[in-house]
PDB file of N, CA and C in Angstrom:
ATOM      1  N   MET A   1     -47.429  26.126  49.763  1.00  0.00           N
ATOM      2  CA  MET A   1     -46.745  25.488  48.611  1.00  0.00           C
ATOM      3  C   MET A   1     -45.162  25.945  48.772  1.00  0.00           C
ATOM      4  N   SER A   2     -44.434  25.263  48.697  1.00  0.00           N
ATOM      5  CA  SER A   2     -42.812  25.599  48.778  1.00  0.00           C
ATOM      6  C   SER A   2     -42.205  26.075  47.242  1.00  0.00           C
ATOM      7  N   GLN A   3     -41.423  27.004  47.510  1.00  0.00           N
ATOM      8  CA  GLN A   3     -40.989  27.398  46.077  1.00  0.00           C
ATOM      9  C   GLN A   3     -39.987  26.528  45.596  1.00  0.00           C
ATOM     10  N   SER A   4     -39.598  26.353  44.388  1.00  0.00           N
ATOM     11  CA  SER A   4     -38.927  25.243  43.984  1.00  0.00           C
ATOM     12  C   SER A   4     -37.793  25.762  43.146  1.00  0.00           C
ATOM     13  N   PHE A   5     -37.786  27.326  42.784  1.00  0.00           N
ATOM     14  CA  PHE A   5     -36.586  27.636  42.162  1.00  0.00           C
ATOM     15  C   PHE A   5     -36.060  29.231  43.197  1.00  0.00           C
ATOM     16  N   ILE A   6     -35.021  29.531  42.744  1.00  0.00           N
ATOM     17  CA  ILE A   6     -34.198  30.563  43.511  1.00  0.00           C
ATOM     18  C   ILE A   6     -33.631  31.635  42.426  1.00  0.00           C
ATOM     19  N   THR A   7     -33.513  32.988  42.718  1.00  0.00           N
ATOM     20  CA  THR A   7     -33.099  33.748  41.824  1.00  0.00           C
ATOM     21  C   THR A   7     -31.859  34.312  42.059  1.00  0.00           C
ATOM     22  N   ILE A   8     -30.543  34.244  41.641  1.00  0.00           N
ATOM     23  CA  ILE A   8     -29.273  34.442  41.670  1.00  0.00           C
ATOM     24  C   ILE A   8     -28.863  35.677  40.681  1.00  0.00           C
ATOM     25  N   THR A   9     -27.761  36.220  41.131  1.00  0.00           N
ATOM     26  CA  THR A   9     -27.290  37.287  40.212  1.00  0.00           C
ATOM     27  C   THR A   9     -25.924  36.500  39.858  1.00  0.00           C
ATOM     28  N   VAL A  10     -25.427  36.610  38.561  1.00  0.00           N
ATOM     29  CA  VAL A  10     -23.977  36.038  38.104  1.00  0.00           C
ATOM     30  C   VAL A  10     -23.287  37.016  37.637  1.00  0.00           C
ATOM     31  N   LYS A  11     -22.305  37.464  38.130  1.00  0.00           N
ATOM     32  CA  LYS A  11     -21.524  38.593  37.806  1.00  0.00           C
ATOM     33  C   LYS A  11     -20.243  38.345  37.080  1.00  0.00           C
ATOM     34  N   LEU A  12     -19.974  38.409  35.718  1.00  0.00           N
ATOM     35  CA  LEU A  12     -19.149  38.099  34.822  1.00  0.00           C
ATOM     36  C   LEU A  12     -17.486  38.733  34.424  1.00  0.00           C
ATOM     37  N   PHE A  13     -17.026  38.514  34.300  1.00  0.00           N
ATOM     38  CA  PHE A  13     -15.589  38.898  34.485  1.00  0.00           C
ATOM     39  C   PHE A  13     -14.736  38.619  33.511  1.00  0.00           C
ATOM     40  N   ALA A  14     -13.506  39.360  32.782  1.00  0.00           N
ATOM     41  CA  ALA A  14     -12.784  38.935  31.719  1.00  0.00           C
ATOM     42  C   ALA A  14     -13.337  37.904  30.537  1.00  0.00           C
ATOM     43  N   VAL A  15     -12.816  36.816  30.279  1.00  0.00           N
ATOM     44  CA  VAL A  15     -13.558  35.735  29.217  1.00  0.00           C
ATOM     45  C   VAL A  15     -14.900  35.773  29.206  1.00  0.00           C
ATOM     46  N   TYR A  16     -15.554  35.453  30.384  1.00  0.00           N
ATOM     47  CA  TYR A  16     -16.887  35.108  30.770  1.00  0.00           C
ATOM     48  C   TYR A  16     -17.669  36.650  29.919  1.00  0.00           C
ATOM     49  N   GLU A  17     -17.188  37.537  30.493  1.00  0.00           N
ATOM     50  CA  GLU A  17     -17.983  38.997  30.192  1.00  0.00           C
ATOM     51  C   GLU A  17     -17.840  38.955  28.689  1.00  0.00           C
ATOM     52  N   GLU A  18     -16.771  38.702  28.054  1.00  0.00           N
ATOM     53  CA  GLU A  18     -16.360  38.981  26.535  1.00  0.00           C
ATOM     54  C   GLU A  18     -17.409  37.738  25.915  1.00  0.00           C
ATOM     55  N   VAL A  19     -17.420  36.557  26.441  1.00  0.00           N
ATOM     56  CA  VAL A  19     -18.228  35.760  25.542  1.00  0.00           C
ATOM     57  C   VAL A  19     -19.650  36.213  25.648  1.00  0.00           C
ATOM     58  N   TYR A  20     -20.310  36.433  26.848  1.00  0.00           N
ATOM     59  CA  TYR A  20     -21.949  37.106  26.702  1.00  0.00           C
ATOM     60  C   TYR A  20     -22.097  38.366  26.645  1.00  0.00           C
ATOM     61  N   GLY A  21     -21.285  39.264  26.386  1.00  0.00           N
ATOM     62  CA  GLY A  21     -21.165  40.664  26.295  1.00  0.00           C
ATOM     63  C   GLY A  21     -22.194  41.173  27.388  1.00  0.00           C
ATOM     64  N   VAL A  22     -22.118  40.981  28.542  1.00  0.00           N
ATOM     65  CA  VAL A  22     -22.864  41.935  29.463  1.00  0.00           C
ATOM     66  C   VAL A  22     -21.620  41.378  30.760  1.00  0.00           C
ATOM     67  N   SER A  23     -22.171  42.271  31.643  1.00  0.00           N
ATOM     68  CA  SER A  23     -21.222  42.013  33.028  1.00  0.00           C
ATOM     69  C   SER A  23     -22.380  41.185  33.975  1.00  0.00           C
ATOM     70  N   GLU A  24     -23.492  41.040  33.936  1.00  0.00           N
ATOM     71  CA  GLU A  24     -24.032  40.710  34.752  1.00  0.00           C
ATOM     72  C   GLU A  24     -25.185  39.757  34.198  1.00  0.00           C
ATOM     73  N   LEU A  25     -25.530  38.716  34.605  1.00  0.00           N
ATOM     74  CA  LEU A  25     -26.959  37.763  34.510  1.00  0.00           C
ATOM     75  C   LEU A  25     -27.686  37.461  35.480  1.00  0.00           C
ATOM     76  N   VAL A  26     -29.058  37.495  35.225  1.00  0.00           N
ATOM     77  CA  VAL A  26     -29.737  36.855  36.646  1.00  0.00           C
ATOM     78  C   VAL A  26     -30.499  35.842  36.134  1.00  0.00           C
ATOM     79  N   LYS A  27     -30.030  34.587  36.952  1.00  0.00           N
ATOM     80  CA  LYS A  27     -30.597  33.376  36.451  1.00  0.00           C
ATOM     81  C   LYS A  27     -31.799  32.770  37.596  1.00  0.00           C
ATOM     82  N   GLN A  28     -32.599  32.007  37.064  1.00  0.00           N
ATOM     83  CA  GLN A  28     -33.673  31.481  37.897  1.00  0.00           C
ATOM     84  C   GLN A  28     -33.139  30.144  37.707  1.00  0.00           C
ATOM     85  N   VAL A  29     -32.619  29.357  38.942  1.00  0.00           N
ATOM     86  CA  VAL A  29     -32.127  27.989  39.255  1.00  0.00           C
ATOM     87  C   VAL A  29     -33.009  27.214  40.187  1.00  0.00           C
ATOM     88  N   SER A  30     -32.808  25.687  39.906  1.00  0.00           N
ATOM     89  CA  SER A  30     -33.855  24.769  40.835  1.00  0.00           C
ATOM     90  C   SER A  30     -33.121  25.114  42.416  1.00  0.00           C
ATOM     91  N   LEU A  31     -33.881  24.921  43.367  1.00  0.00           N
ATOM     92  CA  LEU A  31     -33.208  24.736  44.561  1.00  0.00           C
ATOM     93  C   LEU A  31     -32.137  23.533  44.632  1.00  0.00           C
ATOM     94  N   GLU A  32     -31.168  23.671  45.811  1.00  0.00           N
ATOM     95  CA  GLU A  32     -30.104  22.759  45.649  1.00  0.00           C
ATOM     96  C   GLU A  32     -29.463  22.961  44.500  1.00  0.00           C
ATOM     97  N   THR A  33     -29.093  23.731  43.626  1.00  0.00           N
ATOM     98  CA  THR A  33     -28.015  24.130  42.687  1.00  0.00           C
ATOM     99  C   THR A  33     -26.887  24.503  43.491  1.00  0.00           C
ATOM    100  N   THR A  34     -25.951  23.744  42.711  1.00  0.00           N
ATOM    101  CA  THR A  34     -24.590  24.160  43.170  1.00  0.00           C
ATOM    102  C   THR A  34     -23.892  25.436  42.342  1.00  0.00           C
ATOM    103  N   VAL A  35     -22.645  25.858  42.902  1.00  0.00           N
ATOM    104  CA  VAL A  35     -21.889  26.683  42.134  1.00  0.00           C
ATOM    105  C   VAL A  35     -21.623  26.367  40.323  1.00  0.00           C
ATOM    106  N   ASN A  36     -21.163  24.915  40.882  1.00  0.00           N
ATOM    107  CA  ASN A  36     -20.869  24.248  39.535  1.00  0.00           C
ATOM    108  C   ASN A  36     -21.683  23.719  38.690  1.00  0.00           C
ATOM    109  N   ASP A  37     -22.895  23.505  38.995  1.00  0.00           N
ATOM    110  CA  ASP A  37     -24.111  23.521  38.128  1.00  0.00           C
ATOM    111  C   ASP A  37     -24.646  24.856  37.223  1.00  0.00           C
ATOM    112  N   VAL A  38     -23.975  25.842  37.942  1.00  0.00           N
ATOM    113  CA  VAL A  38     -24.434  27.077  37.264  1.00  0.00           C
ATOM    114  C   VAL A  38     -23.043  27.501  36.274  1.00  0.00           C
ATOM    115  N   LEU A  39     -21.930  26.994  36.598  1.00  0.00           N
ATOM    116  CA  LEU A  39     -20.852  26.805  35.638  1.00  0.00           C
ATOM    117  C   LEU A  39     -21.260  26.070  34.539  1.00  0.00           C
ATOM    118  N   ASP A  40     -21.985  24.927  34.478  1.00  0.00           N
ATOM    119  CA  ASP A  40     -22.439  23.842  33.582  1.00  0.00           C
ATOM    120  C   ASP A  40     -23.395  24.562  32.468  1.00  0.00           C
ATOM    121  N   ILE A  41     -24.146  25.313  33.137  1.00  0.00           N
ATOM    122  CA  ILE A  41     -25.224  25.779  32.426  1.00  0.00           C
ATOM    123  C   ILE A  41     -24.703  27.028  31.516  1.00  0.00           C
ATOM    124  N   LEU A  42     -23.485  27.885  31.803  1.00  0.00           N
ATOM    125  CA  LEU A  42     -22.727  29.081  30.890  1.00  0.00           C
ATOM    126  C   LEU A  42     -22.238  28.208  30.057  1.00  0.00           C
ATOM    127  N   ILE A  43     -21.641  27.035  30.385  1.00  0.00           N
ATOM    128  CA  ILE A  43     -20.850  26.006  29.589  1.00  0.00           C
ATOM    129  C   ILE A  43     -21.670  25.679  28.349  1.00  0.00           C
ATOM    130  N   GLN A  44     -22.798  25.171  28.636  1.00  0.00           N
ATOM    131  CA  GLN A  44     -23.716  24.674  27.769  1.00  0.00           C
ATOM    132  C   GLN A  44     -24.457  25.777  26.560  1.00  0.00           C
ATOM    133  N   GLU A  45     -24.281  27.086  27.472  1.00  0.00           N
ATOM    134  CA  GLU A  45     -24.889  27.978  26.572  1.00  0.00           C
ATOM    135  C   GLU A  45     -23.783  28.725  25.448  1.00  0.00           C
ATOM    136  N   HIS A  46     -22.397  28.865  26.038  1.00  0.00           N
ATOM    137  CA  HIS A  46     -21.235  28.868  25.242  1.00  0.00           C
ATOM    138  C   HIS A  46     -19.963  27.969  25.463  1.00  0.00           C
ATOM    139  N   PRO A  47     -20.007  26.967  24.503  1.00  0.00           N
ATOM    140  CA  PRO A  47     -19.145  25.826  24.939  1.00  0.00           C
ATOM    141  C   PRO A  47     -17.781  26.006  24.893  1.00  0.00           C
ATOM    142  N   LYS A  48     -17.384  27.736  24.452  1.00  0.00           N
ATOM    143  CA  LYS A  48     -15.899  27.850  24.595  1.00  0.00           C
ATOM    144  C   LYS A  48     -15.406  28.277  25.817  1.00  0.00           C
ATOM    145  N   LEU A  49     -16.607  28.278  26.617  1.00  0.00           N
ATOM    146  CA  LEU A  49     -15.840  28.395  28.375  1.00  0.00           C
ATOM    147  C   LEU A  49     -15.326  27.029  28.976  1.00  0.00           C
ATOM    148  N   GLU A  50     -15.619  25.911  28.040  1.00  0.00           N
ATOM    149  CA  GLU A  50     -14.849  24.927  28.638  1.00  0.00           C
ATOM    150  C   GLU A  50     -13.785  24.769  29.245  1.00  0.00           C
ATOM    151  N   GLU A  51     -12.818  25.588  28.143  1.00  0.00           N
ATOM    152  CA  GLU A  51     -11.566  25.461  28.666  1.00  0.00           C
ATOM    153  C   GLU A  51     -11.184  26.375  29.858  1.00  0.00           C
ATOM    154  N   TRP A  52     -12.232  27.153  30.284  1.00  0.00           N
ATOM    155  CA  TRP A  52     -11.850  28.176  31.744  1.00  0.00           C
ATOM    156  C   TRP A  52     -12.237  27.412  32.753  1.00  0.00           C
ATOM    157  N   ARG A  53     -13.023  26.241  32.531  1.00  0.00           N
ATOM    158  CA  ARG A  53     -13.619  25.334  33.496  1.00  0.00           C
ATOM    159  C   ARG A  53     -13.092  24.995  34.739  1.00  0.00           C
ATOM    160  N   ASN A  54     -11.442  24.619  34.689  1.00  0.00           N
ATOM    161  CA  ASN A  54     -10.607  23.944  35.613  1.00  0.00           C
ATOM    162  C   ASN A  54      -9.829  25.416  36.266  1.00  0.00           C
ATOM    163  N   VAL A  55      -9.796  26.340  35.778  1.00  0.00           N
ATOM    164  CA  VAL A  55      -9.240  27.533  36.091  1.00  0.00           C
ATOM    165  C   VAL A  55      -9.912  28.552  36.766  1.00  0.00           C
ATOM    166  N   THR A  56     -11.134  28.425  36.597  1.00  0.00           N
ATOM    167  CA  THR A  56     -12.148  29.515  37.172  1.00  0.00           C
ATOM    168  C   THR A  56     -12.239  29.330  38.673  1.00  0.00           C
ATOM    169  N   ARG A  57     -11.942  30.392  39.438  1.00  0.00           N
ATOM    170  CA  ARG A  57     -12.362  30.626  40.997  1.00  0.00           C
ATOM    171  C   ARG A  57     -13.549  30.976  41.147  1.00  0.00           C
ATOM    172  N   PHE A  58     -14.446  30.822  42.417  1.00  0.00           N
ATOM    173  CA  PHE A  58     -15.935  31.092  42.500  1.00  0.00           C
ATOM    174  C   PHE A  58     -15.828  31.906  43.748  1.00  0.00           C
ATOM    175  N   GLY A  59     -16.845  32.969  43.728  1.00  0.00           N
ATOM    176  CA  GLY A  59     -17.233  33.878  44.932  1.00  0.00           C
ATOM    177  C   GLY A  59     -18.549  33.557  45.177  1.00  0.00           C
ATOM    178  N   VAL A  60     -19.073  33.563  46.392  1.00  0.00           N
ATOM    179  CA  VAL A  60     -20.673  34.027  46.553  1.00  0.00           C
ATOM    180  C   VAL A  60     -20.917  35.212  47.500  1.00  0.00           C
ATOM    181  N   ASN A  61     -21.455  36.185  47.206  1.00  0.00           N
ATOM    182  CA  ASN A  61     -21.355  37.323  48.260  1.00  0.00           C
ATOM    183  C   ASN A  61     -20.002  37.792  48.885  1.00  0.00           C
ATOM    184  N   PHE A  62     -19.095  37.648  48.068  1.00  0.00           N
ATOM    185  CA  PHE A  62     -17.939  38.396  48.709  1.00  0.00           C
ATOM    186  C   PHE A  62     -16.930  37.169  49.270  1.00  0.00           C
ATOM    187  N   GLN A  63     -17.318  36.121  49.263  1.00  0.00           N
ATOM    188  CA  GLN A  63     -16.326  35.335  50.015  1.00  0.00           C
ATOM    189  C   GLN A  63     -16.287  34.049  48.778  1.00  0.00           C
ATOM    190  N   PHE A  64     -15.064  33.807  48.854  1.00  0.00           N
ATOM    191  CA  PHE A  64     -14.575  32.584  47.896  1.00  0.00           C
ATOM    192  C   PHE A  64     -14.823  31.072  48.269  1.00  0.00           C
ATOM    193  N   VAL A  65     -15.544  30.427  47.541  1.00  0.00           N
ATOM    194  CA  VAL A  65     -16.184  29.121  47.933  1.00  0.00           C
ATOM    195  C   VAL A  65     -15.815  28.313  46.704  1.00  0.00           C
ATOM    196  N   GLU A  66     -16.412  26.939  47.426  1.00  0.00           N
ATOM    197  CA  GLU A  66     -15.807  25.613  46.149  1.00  0.00           C
ATOM    198  C   GLU A  66     -16.739  25.683  45.412  1.00  0.00           C
ATOM    199  N   SER A  67     -16.695  24.811  44.254  1.00  0.00           N
ATOM    200  CA  SER A  67     -17.679  24.660  43.200  1.00  0.00           C
ATOM    201  C   SER A  67     -18.963  23.868  44.046  1.00  0.00           C
ATOM    202  N   ASN A  68     -18.779  23.109  44.743  1.00  0.00           N
ATOM    203  CA  ASN A  68     -19.891  22.333  45.501  1.00  0.00           C
ATOM    204  C   ASN A  68     -20.900  23.379  46.145  1.00  0.00           C
ATOM    205  N   THR A  69     -20.414  24.162  46.512  1.00  0.00           N
ATOM    206  CA  THR A  69     -21.331  25.060  47.434  1.00  0.00           C
ATOM    207  C   THR A  69     -22.726  25.412  46.976  1.00  0.00           C
ATOM    208  N   ILE A  70     -23.593  25.048  47.706  1.00  0.00           N
ATOM    209  CA  ILE A  70     -25.204  25.093  47.265  1.00  0.00           C
ATOM    210  C   ILE A  70     -25.665  26.885  47.495  1.00  0.00           C
ATOM    211  N   LEU A  71     -26.480  27.113  46.340  1.00  0.00           N
ATOM    212  CA  LEU A  71     -26.676  28.689  46.604  1.00  0.00           C
ATOM    213  C   LEU A  71     -27.764  28.724  46.802  1.00  0.00           C
ATOM    214  N   LYS A  72     -28.195  29.979  47.416  1.00  0.00           N
ATOM    215  CA  LYS A  72     -29.437  29.999  48.261  1.00  0.00           C
ATOM    216  C   LYS A  72     -29.963  31.504  47.299  1.00  0.00           C
ATOM    217  N   GLU A  73     -31.328  31.591  47.642  1.00  0.00           N
ATOM    218  CA  GLU A  73     -32.113  33.108  46.696  1.00  0.00           C
ATOM    219  C   GLU A  73     -31.260  34.342  47.423  1.00  0.00           C
ATOM    220  N   GLY A  74     -31.286  35.044  46.213  1.00  0.00           N
ATOM    221  CA  GLY A  74     -30.471  36.458  46.386  1.00  0.00           C
ATOM    222  C   GLY A  74     -29.092  36.239  46.188  1.00  0.00           C
ATOM    223  N   ASP A  75     -28.230  35.048  46.282  1.00  0.00           N
ATOM    224  CA  ASP A  75     -26.833  35.264  46.208  1.00  0.00           C
ATOM    225  C   ASP A  75     -26.360  35.729  45.083  1.00  0.00           C
ATOM    226  N   GLU A  76     -25.344  36.154  45.162  1.00  0.00           N
ATOM    227  CA  GLU A  76     -24.277  37.098  44.352  1.00  0.00           C
ATOM    228  C   GLU A  76     -23.203  36.179  43.700  1.00  0.00           C
ATOM    229  N   LEU A  77     -23.141  35.433  42.682  1.00  0.00           N
ATOM    230  CA  LEU A  77     -22.174  34.598  42.228  1.00  0.00           C
ATOM    231  C   LEU A  77     -21.062  35.122  41.142  1.00  0.00           C
ATOM    232  N   VAL A  78     -20.057  35.098  41.512  1.00  0.00           N
ATOM    233  CA  VAL A  78     -18.840  35.851  40.746  1.00  0.00           C
ATOM    234  C   VAL A  78     -18.257  34.466  40.008  1.00  0.00           C
ATOM    235  N   PHE A  79     -17.682  34.491  38.978  1.00  0.00           N
ATOM    236  CA  PHE A  79     -16.720  33.724  38.196  1.00  0.00           C
ATOM    237  C   PHE A  79     -15.560  34.728  37.839  1.00  0.00           C
ATOM    238  N   ILE A  80     -14.593  33.705  38.406  1.00  0.00           N
ATOM    239  CA  ILE A  80     -13.426  34.676  38.502  1.00  0.00           C
ATOM    240  C   ILE A  80     -12.062  33.900  37.909  1.00  0.00           C
ATOM    241  N   PRO A  81     -12.078  34.005  36.371  1.00  0.00           N
ATOM    242  CA  PRO A  81     -11.139  33.424  35.545  1.00  0.00           C
ATOM    243  C   PRO A  81      -9.771  34.091  35.732  1.00  0.00           C
ATOM    244  N   PRO A  82      -8.422  33.487  35.683  1.00  0.00           N
ATOM    245  CA  PRO A  82      -7.399  33.748  35.721  1.00  0.00           C
ATOM    246  C   PRO A  82      -7.420  35.089  34.424  1.00  0.00           C
ATOM    247  N   VAL A  83      -6.666  36.308  35.239  1.00  0.00           N
ATOM    248  CA  VAL A  83      -6.653  37.692  34.458  1.00  0.00           C
ATOM    249  C   VAL A  83      -4.999  37.877  33.567  1.00  0.00           C
ATOM    250  N   SER A  84      -5.193  37.910  32.584  1.00  0.00           N
ATOM    251  CA  SER A  84      -4.068  38.166  31.922  1.00  0.00           C
ATOM    252  C   SER A  84      -3.382  39.400  32.194  1.00  0.00           C
ATOM    253  N   GLY A  85      -2.154  39.881  31.895  1.00  0.00           N
ATOM    254  CA  GLY A  85      -1.548  41.200  31.624  1.00  0.00           C
ATOM    255  C   GLY A  85      -0.659  41.682  32.611  1.00  0.00           C
ATOM    256  N   GLY A  86      -0.025  42.549  32.773  1.00  0.00           N
ATOM    257  CA  GLY A  86       0.680  43.074  33.641  1.00  0.00           C
ATOM    258  C   GLY A  86       0.322  44.819  34.306  1.00  0.00           C
TER     259      GLY A  86
END
């Protein structure tokens, strides 16, 4: 029987970390899930994050990726919003 779910780690920074109150989430998602699908899940859980959707960059396993990148078992996904400060 083939596995229909994968487990990924989501690293949270800045506003994402503030909203969730943790720096990391472990999520079980279905096969063929994209980076954007995970972003949709986070926004469903915390609608306040919608305002950051179009300015957030993404990394998978220390590489910048596009939002349509399909995730694989064990991937580490990072959401990188713009950081303010000086």
